[in-house]
């Protein structure tokens, strides 16, 4: 199972790029994969091929309108584990002894 943290946005569309980020997020939401939006990126969980194909489709969406795109990805693969996006948070919260802001 893969956890992928993704940040993708155009470099050639001025200071505010939220309209372009929204297009990417709509695609992620419609993919059916588990994801968590954060202020600095999106975490996606799924099988390798599903997640990588989703990143490619997000790139294609921006490529249609943008001449320069910034992409940052960080990937964590762990064999056989599911629901790691939530379980990793719950594990740390259990050690801390309280619910943390997520």
PDB file of N, CA and C in Angstrom:
ATOM      1  N   UNK A   1       0.855  -1.172   0.000  1.00  0.00           N
ATOM      2  CA  UNK A   1       0.000   0.000   0.000  1.00  0.00           C
ATOM      3  C   UNK A   1       0.901   1.234   0.000  1.00  0.00           C
ATOM      4  N   UNK A   2       0.512   2.229  -0.767  1.00  0.00           N
ATOM      5  CA  UNK A   2       1.295   3.444  -0.940  1.00  0.00           C
ATOM      6  C   UNK A   2       0.595   4.624  -0.277  1.00  0.00           C
ATOM      7  N   UNK A   3       1.372   5.412   0.439  1.00  0.00           N
ATOM      8  CA  UNK A   3       0.950   6.751   0.848  1.00  0.00           C
ATOM      9  C   UNK A   3       1.783   7.717   0.027  1.00  0.00           C
ATOM     10  N   UNK A   4       1.128   8.604  -0.675  1.00  0.00           N
ATOM     11  CA  UNK A   4       1.827   9.575  -1.513  1.00  0.00           C
ATOM     12  C   UNK A   4       1.379  10.972  -1.110  1.00  0.00           C
ATOM     13  N   UNK A   5       2.339  11.813  -0.785  1.00  0.00           N
ATOM     14  CA  UNK A   5       2.043  13.212  -0.507  1.00  0.00           C
ATOM     15  C   UNK A   5       2.353  13.994  -1.782  1.00  0.00           C
ATOM     16  N   UNK A   6       1.374  14.737  -2.265  1.00  0.00           N
ATOM     17  CA  UNK A   6       1.485  15.407  -3.556  1.00  0.00           C
ATOM     18  C   UNK A   6       1.207  16.899  -3.440  1.00  0.00           C
ATOM     19  N   UNK A   7       2.076  17.666  -4.053  1.00  0.00           N
ATOM     20  CA  UNK A   7       1.839  19.086  -4.274  1.00  0.00           C
ATOM     21  C   UNK A   7       2.065  19.332  -5.757  1.00  0.00           C
ATOM     22  N   UNK A   8       1.060  19.882  -6.435  1.00  0.00           N
ATOM     23  CA  UNK A   8       1.150  20.122  -7.875  1.00  0.00           C
ATOM     24  C   UNK A   8       0.460  21.439  -8.190  1.00  0.00           C
ATOM     25  N   UNK A   9       1.190  22.348  -8.827  1.00  0.00           N
ATOM     26  CA  UNK A   9       0.593  23.638  -9.190  1.00  0.00           C
ATOM     27  C   UNK A   9       1.383  24.271 -10.329  1.00  0.00           C
ATOM     28  N   UNK A  10       0.725  25.155 -11.079  1.00  0.00           N
ATOM     29  CA  UNK A  10       1.427  25.828 -12.178  1.00  0.00           C
ATOM     30  C   UNK A  10       2.340  26.922 -11.648  1.00  0.00           C
ATOM     31  N   UNK A  11       3.408  27.169 -12.369  1.00  0.00           N
ATOM     32  CA  UNK A  11       4.334  28.260 -12.054  1.00  0.00           C
ATOM     33  C   UNK A  11       4.085  29.488 -12.934  1.00  0.00           C
ATOM     34  N   UNK A  12       3.269  29.344 -13.955  1.00  0.00           N
ATOM     35  CA  UNK A  12       3.129  30.410 -14.940  1.00  0.00           C
ATOM     36  C   UNK A  12       1.757  31.090 -14.904  1.00  0.00           C
ATOM     37  N   UNK A  13       1.041  30.999 -13.779  1.00  0.00           N
ATOM     38  CA  UNK A  13      -0.322  31.526 -13.727  1.00  0.00           C
ATOM     39  C   UNK A  13      -0.512  32.595 -12.655  1.00  0.00           C
ATOM     40  N   UNK A  14       0.560  33.206 -12.216  1.00  0.00           N
ATOM     41  CA  UNK A  14       0.441  34.289 -11.256  1.00  0.00           C
ATOM     42  C   UNK A  14       0.497  33.823  -9.813  1.00  0.00           C
ATOM     43  N   UNK A  15       0.132  34.737  -8.932  1.00  0.00           N
ATOM     44  CA  UNK A  15       0.268  34.502  -7.491  1.00  0.00           C
ATOM     45  C   UNK A  15      -0.758  33.520  -6.945  1.00  0.00           C
ATOM     46  N   UNK A  16      -2.000  33.611  -7.376  1.00  0.00           N
ATOM     47  CA  UNK A  16      -3.050  32.723  -6.880  1.00  0.00           C
ATOM     48  C   UNK A  16      -3.312  31.620  -7.900  1.00  0.00           C
ATOM     49  N   UNK A  17      -3.145  30.388  -7.465  1.00  0.00           N
ATOM     50  CA  UNK A  17      -3.333  29.242  -8.364  1.00  0.00           C
ATOM     51  C   UNK A  17      -4.432  28.305  -7.870  1.00  0.00           C
ATOM     52  N   UNK A  18      -5.282  28.793  -6.974  1.00  0.00           N
ATOM     53  CA  UNK A  18      -6.296  27.934  -6.368  1.00  0.00           C
ATOM     54  C   UNK A  18      -7.261  27.334  -7.388  1.00  0.00           C
ATOM     55  N   UNK A  19      -7.577  28.049  -8.462  1.00  0.00           N
ATOM     56  CA  UNK A  19      -8.472  27.498  -9.488  1.00  0.00           C
ATOM     57  C   UNK A  19      -7.857  26.260 -10.148  1.00  0.00           C
ATOM     58  N   UNK A  20      -6.545  26.279 -10.332  1.00  0.00           N
ATOM     59  CA  UNK A  20      -5.854  25.137 -10.942  1.00  0.00           C
ATOM     60  C   UNK A  20      -5.728  23.985  -9.947  1.00  0.00           C
ATOM     61  N   UNK A  21      -5.429  24.318  -8.706  1.00  0.00           N
ATOM     62  CA  UNK A  21      -5.355  23.297  -7.666  1.00  0.00           C
ATOM     63  C   UNK A  21      -6.726  22.633  -7.500  1.00  0.00           C
ATOM     64  N   UNK A  22      -7.785  23.412  -7.592  1.00  0.00           N
ATOM     65  CA  UNK A  22      -9.143  22.862  -7.474  1.00  0.00           C
ATOM     66  C   UNK A  22      -9.426  21.838  -8.578  1.00  0.00           C
ATOM     67  N   UNK A  23      -8.936  22.077  -9.786  1.00  0.00           N
ATOM     68  CA  UNK A  23      -9.112  21.108 -10.870  1.00  0.00           C
ATOM     69  C   UNK A  23      -8.439  19.778 -10.531  1.00  0.00           C
ATOM     70  N   UNK A  24      -7.236  19.872  -9.982  1.00  0.00           N
ATOM     71  CA  UNK A  24      -6.498  18.670  -9.598  1.00  0.00           C
ATOM     72  C   UNK A  24      -7.238  17.946  -8.468  1.00  0.00           C
ATOM     73  N   UNK A  25      -7.714  18.705  -7.474  1.00  0.00           N
ATOM     74  CA  UNK A  25      -8.417  18.101  -6.345  1.00  0.00           C
ATOM     75  C   UNK A  25      -9.731  17.458  -6.763  1.00  0.00           C
ATOM     76  N   UNK A  26     -10.415  18.039  -7.717  1.00  0.00           N
ATOM     77  CA  UNK A  26     -11.653  17.446  -8.238  1.00  0.00           C
ATOM     78  C   UNK A  26     -11.344  16.072  -8.835  1.00  0.00           C
ATOM     79  N   UNK A  27     -10.250  15.995  -9.569  1.00  0.00           N
ATOM     80  CA  UNK A  27      -9.826  14.727 -10.171  1.00  0.00           C
ATOM     81  C   UNK A  27      -9.478  13.698  -9.090  1.00  0.00           C
ATOM     82  N   UNK A  28      -8.773  14.124  -8.069  1.00  0.00           N
ATOM     83  CA  UNK A  28      -8.419  13.220  -6.975  1.00  0.00           C
ATOM     84  C   UNK A  28      -9.684  12.728  -6.278  1.00  0.00           C
ATOM     85  N   UNK A  29     -10.600  13.636  -6.003  1.00  0.00           N
ATOM     86  CA  UNK A  29     -11.843  13.277  -5.327  1.00  0.00           C
ATOM     87  C   UNK A  29     -12.649  12.264  -6.145  1.00  0.00           C
ATOM     88  N   UNK A  30     -12.707  12.467  -7.443  1.00  0.00           N
ATOM     89  CA  UNK A  30     -13.473  11.581  -8.318  1.00  0.00           C
ATOM     90  C   UNK A  30     -12.801  10.232  -8.556  1.00  0.00           C
ATOM     91  N   UNK A  31     -11.527  10.101  -8.161  1.00  0.00           N
ATOM     92  CA  UNK A  31     -10.791   8.851  -8.391  1.00  0.00           C
ATOM     93  C   UNK A  31     -11.296   7.698  -7.524  1.00  0.00           C
ATOM     94  N   UNK A  32     -11.899   8.023  -6.399  1.00  0.00           N
ATOM     95  CA  UNK A  32     -12.345   6.988  -5.477  1.00  0.00           C
ATOM     96  C   UNK A  32     -11.276   6.540  -4.491  1.00  0.00           C
ATOM     97  N   UNK A  33     -10.041   7.010  -4.655  1.00  0.00           N
ATOM     98  CA  UNK A  33      -8.980   6.661  -3.712  1.00  0.00           C
ATOM     99  C   UNK A  33      -9.139   7.481  -2.433  1.00  0.00           C
ATOM    100  N   UNK A  34      -8.646   6.929  -1.340  1.00  0.00           N
ATOM    101  CA  UNK A  34      -8.648   7.665  -0.077  1.00  0.00           C
ATOM    102  C   UNK A  34      -7.644   8.808  -0.185  1.00  0.00           C
ATOM    103  N   UNK A  35      -8.042   9.987   0.318  1.00  0.00           N
ATOM    104  CA  UNK A  35      -7.121  11.124   0.297  1.00  0.00           C
ATOM    105  C   UNK A  35      -7.430  12.047   1.464  1.00  0.00           C
ATOM    106  N   UNK A  36      -6.436  12.879   1.777  1.00  0.00           N
ATOM    107  CA  UNK A  36      -6.602  13.893   2.808  1.00  0.00           C
ATOM    108  C   UNK A  36      -5.975  15.186   2.296  1.00  0.00           C
ATOM    109  N   UNK A  37      -6.775  16.204   2.195  1.00  0.00           N
ATOM    110  CA  UNK A  37      -6.313  17.518   1.774  1.00  0.00           C
ATOM    111  C   UNK A  37      -5.704  18.239   2.973  1.00  0.00           C
ATOM    112  N   UNK A  38      -4.541  18.836   2.781  1.00  0.00           N
ATOM    113  CA  UNK A  38      -3.917  19.666   3.803  1.00  0.00           C
ATOM    114  C   UNK A  38      -3.639  21.038   3.186  1.00  0.00           C
ATOM    115  N   UNK A  39      -3.312  22.028   3.981  1.00  0.00           N
ATOM    116  CA  UNK A  39      -3.036  23.350   3.419  1.00  0.00           C
ATOM    117  C   UNK A  39      -1.826  23.381   2.478  1.00  0.00           C
ATOM    118  N   UNK A  40      -0.935  22.391   2.605  1.00  0.00           N
ATOM    119  CA  UNK A  40       0.296  22.395   1.825  1.00  0.00           C
ATOM    120  C   UNK A  40       0.394  21.266   0.808  1.00  0.00           C
ATOM    121  N   UNK A  41      -0.657  20.460   0.677  1.00  0.00           N
ATOM    122  CA  UNK A  41      -0.615  19.347  -0.260  1.00  0.00           C
ATOM    123  C   UNK A  41      -1.749  18.372  -0.003  1.00  0.00           C
ATOM    124  N   UNK A  42      -1.681  17.234  -0.664  1.00  0.00           N
ATOM    125  CA  UNK A  42      -2.711  16.211  -0.537  1.00  0.00           C
ATOM    126  C   UNK A  42      -2.031  14.864  -0.350  1.00  0.00           C
ATOM    127  N   UNK A  43      -2.542  14.074   0.581  1.00  0.00           N
ATOM    128  CA  UNK A  43      -2.041  12.731   0.821  1.00  0.00           C
ATOM    129  C   UNK A  43      -3.031  11.759   0.186  1.00  0.00           C
ATOM    130  N   UNK A  44      -2.503  10.837  -0.612  1.00  0.00           N
ATOM    131  CA  UNK A  44      -3.328   9.869  -1.330  1.00  0.00           C
ATOM    132  C   UNK A  44      -2.880   8.473  -0.926  1.00  0.00           C
ATOM    133  N   UNK A  45      -3.843   7.565  -0.732  1.00  0.00           N
ATOM    134  CA  UNK A  45      -3.531   6.196  -0.342  1.00  0.00           C
ATOM    135  C   UNK A  45      -4.128   5.221  -1.352  1.00  0.00           C
ATOM    136  N   UNK A  46      -3.340   4.226  -1.749  1.00  0.00           N
ATOM    137  CA  UNK A  46      -3.833   3.207  -2.668  1.00  0.00           C
ATOM    138  C   UNK A  46      -2.717   2.309  -3.143  1.00  0.00           C
ATOM    139  N   UNK A  47      -3.041   1.439  -4.076  1.00  0.00           N
ATOM    140  CA  UNK A  47      -2.021   0.595  -4.693  1.00  0.00           C
ATOM    141  C   UNK A  47      -1.119   1.448  -5.578  1.00  0.00           C
ATOM    142  N   UNK A  48       0.096   0.979  -5.791  1.00  0.00           N
ATOM    143  CA  UNK A  48       1.092   1.736  -6.559  1.00  0.00           C
ATOM    144  C   UNK A  48       0.544   2.226  -7.898  1.00  0.00           C
ATOM    145  N   UNK A  49       0.028   1.311  -8.710  1.00  0.00           N
ATOM    146  CA  UNK A  49      -0.433   1.680 -10.046  1.00  0.00           C
ATOM    147  C   UNK A  49      -1.568   2.692  -9.989  1.00  0.00           C
ATOM    148  N   UNK A  50      -2.497   2.511  -9.058  1.00  0.00           N
ATOM    149  CA  UNK A  50      -3.621   3.449  -8.926  1.00  0.00           C
ATOM    150  C   UNK A  50      -3.134   4.858  -8.590  1.00  0.00           C
ATOM    151  N   UNK A  51      -2.225   4.930  -7.641  1.00  0.00           N
ATOM    152  CA  UNK A  51      -1.741   6.235  -7.180  1.00  0.00           C
ATOM    153  C   UNK A  51      -0.901   6.924  -8.259  1.00  0.00           C
ATOM    154  N   UNK A  52      -0.007   6.182  -8.881  1.00  0.00           N
ATOM    155  CA  UNK A  52       0.847   6.760  -9.929  1.00  0.00           C
ATOM    156  C   UNK A  52       0.003   7.176 -11.137  1.00  0.00           C
ATOM    157  N   UNK A  53      -0.978   6.373 -11.509  1.00  0.00           N
ATOM    158  CA  UNK A  53      -1.867   6.746 -12.615  1.00  0.00           C
ATOM    159  C   UNK A  53      -2.674   7.996 -12.282  1.00  0.00           C
ATOM    160  N   UNK A  54      -3.070   8.138 -11.030  1.00  0.00           N
ATOM    161  CA  UNK A  54      -3.795   9.338 -10.617  1.00  0.00           C
ATOM    162  C   UNK A  54      -2.904  10.578 -10.715  1.00  0.00           C
ATOM    163  N   UNK A  55      -1.663  10.464 -10.294  1.00  0.00           N
ATOM    164  CA  UNK A  55      -0.729  11.593 -10.418  1.00  0.00           C
ATOM    165  C   UNK A  55      -0.564  11.973 -11.882  1.00  0.00           C
ATOM    166  N   UNK A  56      -0.451  10.984 -12.750  1.00  0.00           N
ATOM    167  CA  UNK A  56      -0.326  11.252 -14.186  1.00  0.00           C
ATOM    168  C   UNK A  56      -1.556  11.977 -14.714  1.00  0.00           C
ATOM    169  N   UNK A  57      -2.737  11.550 -14.316  1.00  0.00           N
ATOM    170  CA  UNK A  57      -3.950  12.205 -14.802  1.00  0.00           C
ATOM    171  C   UNK A  57      -4.059  13.635 -14.271  1.00  0.00           C
ATOM    172  N   UNK A  58      -3.594  13.864 -13.054  1.00  0.00           N
ATOM    173  CA  UNK A  58      -3.576  15.231 -12.515  1.00  0.00           C
ATOM    174  C   UNK A  58      -2.623  16.111 -13.328  1.00  0.00           C
ATOM    175  N   UNK A  59      -1.464  15.565 -13.655  1.00  0.00           N
ATOM    176  CA  UNK A  59      -0.503  16.297 -14.482  1.00  0.00           C
ATOM    177  C   UNK A  59      -1.109  16.653 -15.833  1.00  0.00           C
ATOM    178  N   UNK A  60      -1.787  15.716 -16.451  1.00  0.00           N
ATOM    179  CA  UNK A  60      -2.402  15.958 -17.768  1.00  0.00           C
ATOM    180  C   UNK A  60      -3.432  17.091 -17.702  1.00  0.00           C
ATOM    181  N   UNK A  61      -4.152  17.183 -16.600  1.00  0.00           N
ATOM    182  CA  UNK A  61      -5.133  18.266 -16.430  1.00  0.00           C
ATOM    183  C   UNK A  61      -4.434  19.619 -16.454  1.00  0.00           C
ATOM    184  N   UNK A  62      -3.335  19.748 -15.723  1.00  0.00           N
ATOM    185  CA  UNK A  62      -2.614  21.029 -15.701  1.00  0.00           C
ATOM    186  C   UNK A  62      -1.852  21.276 -17.000  1.00  0.00           C
ATOM    187  N   UNK A  63      -1.318  20.221 -17.564  1.00  0.00           N
ATOM    188  CA  UNK A  63      -0.534  20.346 -18.800  1.00  0.00           C
ATOM    189  C   UNK A  63      -1.345  20.989 -19.923  1.00  0.00           C
ATOM    190  N   UNK A  64      -2.638  20.771 -19.925  1.00  0.00           N
ATOM    191  CA  UNK A  64      -3.492  21.328 -20.971  1.00  0.00           C
ATOM    192  C   UNK A  64      -3.512  22.859 -20.963  1.00  0.00           C
ATOM    193  N   UNK A  65      -3.311  23.479 -19.777  1.00  0.00           N
ATOM    194  CA  UNK A  65      -3.402  24.937 -19.658  1.00  0.00           C
ATOM    195  C   UNK A  65      -2.127  25.618 -19.178  1.00  0.00           C
ATOM    196  N   UNK A  66      -1.134  24.856 -18.798  1.00  0.00           N
ATOM    197  CA  UNK A  66       0.030  25.435 -18.129  1.00  0.00           C
ATOM    198  C   UNK A  66       1.320  25.057 -18.849  1.00  0.00           C
ATOM    199  N   UNK A  67       2.209  26.018 -18.960  1.00  0.00           N
ATOM    200  CA  UNK A  67       3.492  25.770 -19.617  1.00  0.00           C
ATOM    201  C   UNK A  67       4.580  25.358 -18.632  1.00  0.00           C
ATOM    202  N   UNK A  68       4.356  25.637 -17.337  1.00  0.00           N
ATOM    203  CA  UNK A  68       5.332  25.253 -16.320  1.00  0.00           C
ATOM    204  C   UNK A  68       4.585  24.779 -15.078  1.00  0.00           C
ATOM    205  N   UNK A  69       4.928  23.574 -14.615  1.00  0.00           N
ATOM    206  CA  UNK A  69       4.224  22.947 -13.499  1.00  0.00           C
ATOM    207  C   UNK A  69       5.242  22.483 -12.465  1.00  0.00           C
ATOM    208  N   UNK A  70       4.973  22.798 -11.209  1.00  0.00           N
ATOM    209  CA  UNK A  70       5.799  22.328 -10.102  1.00  0.00           C
ATOM    210  C   UNK A  70       5.120  21.115  -9.475  1.00  0.00           C
ATOM    211  N   UNK A  71       5.897  20.043  -9.298  1.00  0.00           N
ATOM    212  CA  UNK A  71       5.366  18.823  -8.694  1.00  0.00           C
ATOM    213  C   UNK A  71       6.339  18.353  -7.620  1.00  0.00           C
ATOM    214  N   UNK A  72       5.821  18.171  -6.415  1.00  0.00           N
ATOM    215  CA  UNK A  72       6.589  17.579  -5.326  1.00  0.00           C
ATOM    216  C   UNK A  72       5.835  16.347  -4.848  1.00  0.00           C
ATOM    217  N   UNK A  73       6.562  15.232  -4.751  1.00  0.00           N
ATOM    218  CA  UNK A  73       5.950  13.984  -4.282  1.00  0.00           C
ATOM    219  C   UNK A  73       6.865  13.343  -3.248  1.00  0.00           C
ATOM    220  N   UNK A  74       6.226  12.756  -2.270  1.00  0.00           N
ATOM    221  CA  UNK A  74       6.941  11.949  -1.291  1.00  0.00           C
ATOM    222  C   UNK A  74       6.134  10.665  -1.142  1.00  0.00           C
ATOM    223  N   UNK A  75       6.788   9.512  -1.272  1.00  0.00           N
ATOM    224  CA  UNK A  75       6.080   8.241  -1.300  1.00  0.00           C
ATOM    225  C   UNK A  75       6.593   7.333  -0.187  1.00  0.00           C
ATOM    226  N   UNK A  76       5.649   6.692   0.495  1.00  0.00           N
ATOM    227  CA  UNK A  76       5.957   5.689   1.504  1.00  0.00           C
ATOM    228  C   UNK A  76       5.197   4.423   1.126  1.00  0.00           C
ATOM    229  N   UNK A  77       5.927   3.354   0.844  1.00  0.00           N
ATOM    230  CA  UNK A  77       5.318   2.068   0.504  1.00  0.00           C
ATOM    231  C   UNK A  77       5.524   1.114   1.673  1.00  0.00           C
ATOM    232  N   UNK A  78       4.458   0.391   2.002  1.00  0.00           N
ATOM    233  CA  UNK A  78       4.564  -0.664   3.016  1.00  0.00           C
ATOM    234  C   UNK A  78       3.700  -1.831   2.571  1.00  0.00           C
ATOM    235  N   UNK A  79       4.311  -2.977   2.463  1.00  0.00           N
ATOM    236  CA  UNK A  79       3.622  -4.170   1.999  1.00  0.00           C
ATOM    237  C   UNK A  79       2.470  -4.525   2.927  1.00  0.00           C
ATOM    238  N   UNK A  80       1.296  -4.758   2.329  1.00  0.00           N
ATOM    239  CA  UNK A  80       0.172  -5.343   3.024  1.00  0.00           C
ATOM    240  C   UNK A  80      -0.586  -4.467   3.996  1.00  0.00           C
ATOM    241  N   UNK A  81      -0.176  -3.258   4.204  1.00  0.00           N
ATOM    242  CA  UNK A  81      -0.860  -2.401   5.169  1.00  0.00           C
ATOM    243  C   UNK A  81      -1.884  -1.532   4.460  1.00  0.00           C
ATOM    244  N   UNK A  82      -3.096  -1.459   5.043  1.00  0.00           N
ATOM    245  CA  UNK A  82      -4.148  -0.591   4.507  1.00  0.00           C
ATOM    246  C   UNK A  82      -4.566   0.410   5.573  1.00  0.00           C
ATOM    247  N   UNK A  83      -5.215   1.456   5.146  1.00  0.00           N
ATOM    248  CA  UNK A  83      -5.732   2.505   6.031  1.00  0.00           C
ATOM    249  C   UNK A  83      -4.624   3.142   6.863  1.00  0.00           C
ATOM    250  N   UNK A  84      -3.450   3.237   6.310  1.00  0.00           N
ATOM    251  CA  UNK A  84      -2.306   3.812   7.026  1.00  0.00           C
ATOM    252  C   UNK A  84      -2.456   5.311   7.230  1.00  0.00           C
ATOM    253  N   UNK A  85      -3.201   5.970   6.355  1.00  0.00           N
ATOM    254  CA  UNK A  85      -3.375   7.406   6.469  1.00  0.00           C
ATOM    255  C   UNK A  85      -3.982   7.750   7.831  1.00  0.00           C
ATOM    256  N   UNK A  86      -4.940   6.976   8.274  1.00  0.00           N
ATOM    257  CA  UNK A  86      -5.585   7.210   9.567  1.00  0.00           C
ATOM    258  C   UNK A  86      -4.846   6.508  10.701  1.00  0.00           C
ATOM    259  N   UNK A  87      -4.396   5.289  10.453  1.00  0.00           N
ATOM    260  CA  UNK A  87      -3.784   4.519  11.535  1.00  0.00           C
ATOM    261  C   UNK A  87      -2.486   5.141  12.029  1.00  0.00           C
ATOM    262  N   UNK A  88      -1.730   5.764  11.148  1.00  0.00           N
ATOM    263  CA  UNK A  88      -0.478   6.414  11.569  1.00  0.00           C
ATOM    264  C   UNK A  88      -0.773   7.571  12.521  1.00  0.00           C
ATOM    265  N   UNK A  89      -1.828   8.315  12.242  1.00  0.00           N
ATOM    266  CA  UNK A  89      -2.230   9.424  13.114  1.00  0.00           C
ATOM    267  C   UNK A  89      -2.726   8.893  14.451  1.00  0.00           C
ATOM    268  N   UNK A  90      -3.585   7.870  14.411  1.00  0.00           N
ATOM    269  CA  UNK A  90      -4.125   7.289  15.650  1.00  0.00           C
ATOM    270  C   UNK A  90      -3.013   6.732  16.539  1.00  0.00           C
ATOM    271  N   UNK A  91      -1.998   6.131  15.939  1.00  0.00           N
ATOM    272  CA  UNK A  91      -0.884   5.578  16.699  1.00  0.00           C
ATOM    273  C   UNK A  91      -0.154   6.676  17.476  1.00  0.00           C
ATOM    274  N   UNK A  92       0.156   7.773  16.800  1.00  0.00           N
ATOM    275  CA  UNK A  92       0.851   8.883  17.466  1.00  0.00           C
ATOM    276  C   UNK A  92      -0.037   9.489  18.547  1.00  0.00           C
ATOM    277  N   UNK A  93      -1.330   9.628  18.255  1.00  0.00           N
ATOM    278  CA  UNK A  93      -2.255  10.176  19.258  1.00  0.00           C
ATOM    279  C   UNK A  93      -2.317   9.280  20.495  1.00  0.00           C
ATOM    280  N   UNK A  94      -2.265   7.979  20.301  1.00  0.00           N
ATOM    281  CA  UNK A  94      -2.302   7.072  21.461  1.00  0.00           C
ATOM    282  C   UNK A  94      -1.052   7.216  22.316  1.00  0.00           C
ATOM    283  N   UNK A  95       0.074   7.480  21.694  1.00  0.00           N
ATOM    284  CA  UNK A  95       1.327   7.685  22.433  1.00  0.00           C
ATOM    285  C   UNK A  95       1.285   9.019  23.167  1.00  0.00           C
ATOM    286  N   UNK A  96       0.791  10.057  22.491  1.00  0.00           N
ATOM    287  CA  UNK A  96       0.685  11.398  23.102  1.00  0.00           C
ATOM    288  C   UNK A  96      -0.380  11.403  24.203  1.00  0.00           C
ATOM    289  N   UNK A  97      -1.422  10.603  24.008  1.00  0.00           N
ATOM    290  CA  UNK A  97      -2.472  10.507  24.994  1.00  0.00           C
ATOM    291  C   UNK A  97      -3.639  11.447  24.770  1.00  0.00           C
ATOM    292  N   UNK A  98      -3.731  11.988  23.558  1.00  0.00           N
ATOM    293  CA  UNK A  98      -4.887  12.849  23.252  1.00  0.00           C
ATOM    294  C   UNK A  98      -5.007  13.013  21.747  1.00  0.00           C
ATOM    295  N   UNK A  99      -6.180  13.478  21.325  1.00  0.00           N
ATOM    296  CA  UNK A  99      -6.426  13.753  19.920  1.00  0.00           C
ATOM    297  C   UNK A  99      -5.645  15.008  19.526  1.00  0.00           C
ATOM    298  N   UNK A 100      -4.964  14.938  18.393  1.00  0.00           N
ATOM    299  CA  UNK A 100      -4.190  16.068  17.887  1.00  0.00           C
ATOM    300  C   UNK A 100      -4.945  16.738  16.740  1.00  0.00           C
ATOM    301  N   UNK A 101      -4.547  17.940  16.416  1.00  0.00           N
ATOM    302  CA  UNK A 101      -5.171  18.661  15.293  1.00  0.00           C
ATOM    303  C   UNK A 101      -4.688  18.060  13.989  1.00  0.00           C
ATOM    304  N   UNK A 102      -5.646  17.679  13.133  1.00  0.00           N
ATOM    305  CA  UNK A 102      -5.296  17.130  11.824  1.00  0.00           C
ATOM    306  C   UNK A 102      -6.104  17.810  10.750  1.00  0.00           C
TER     307      UNK A 102
END
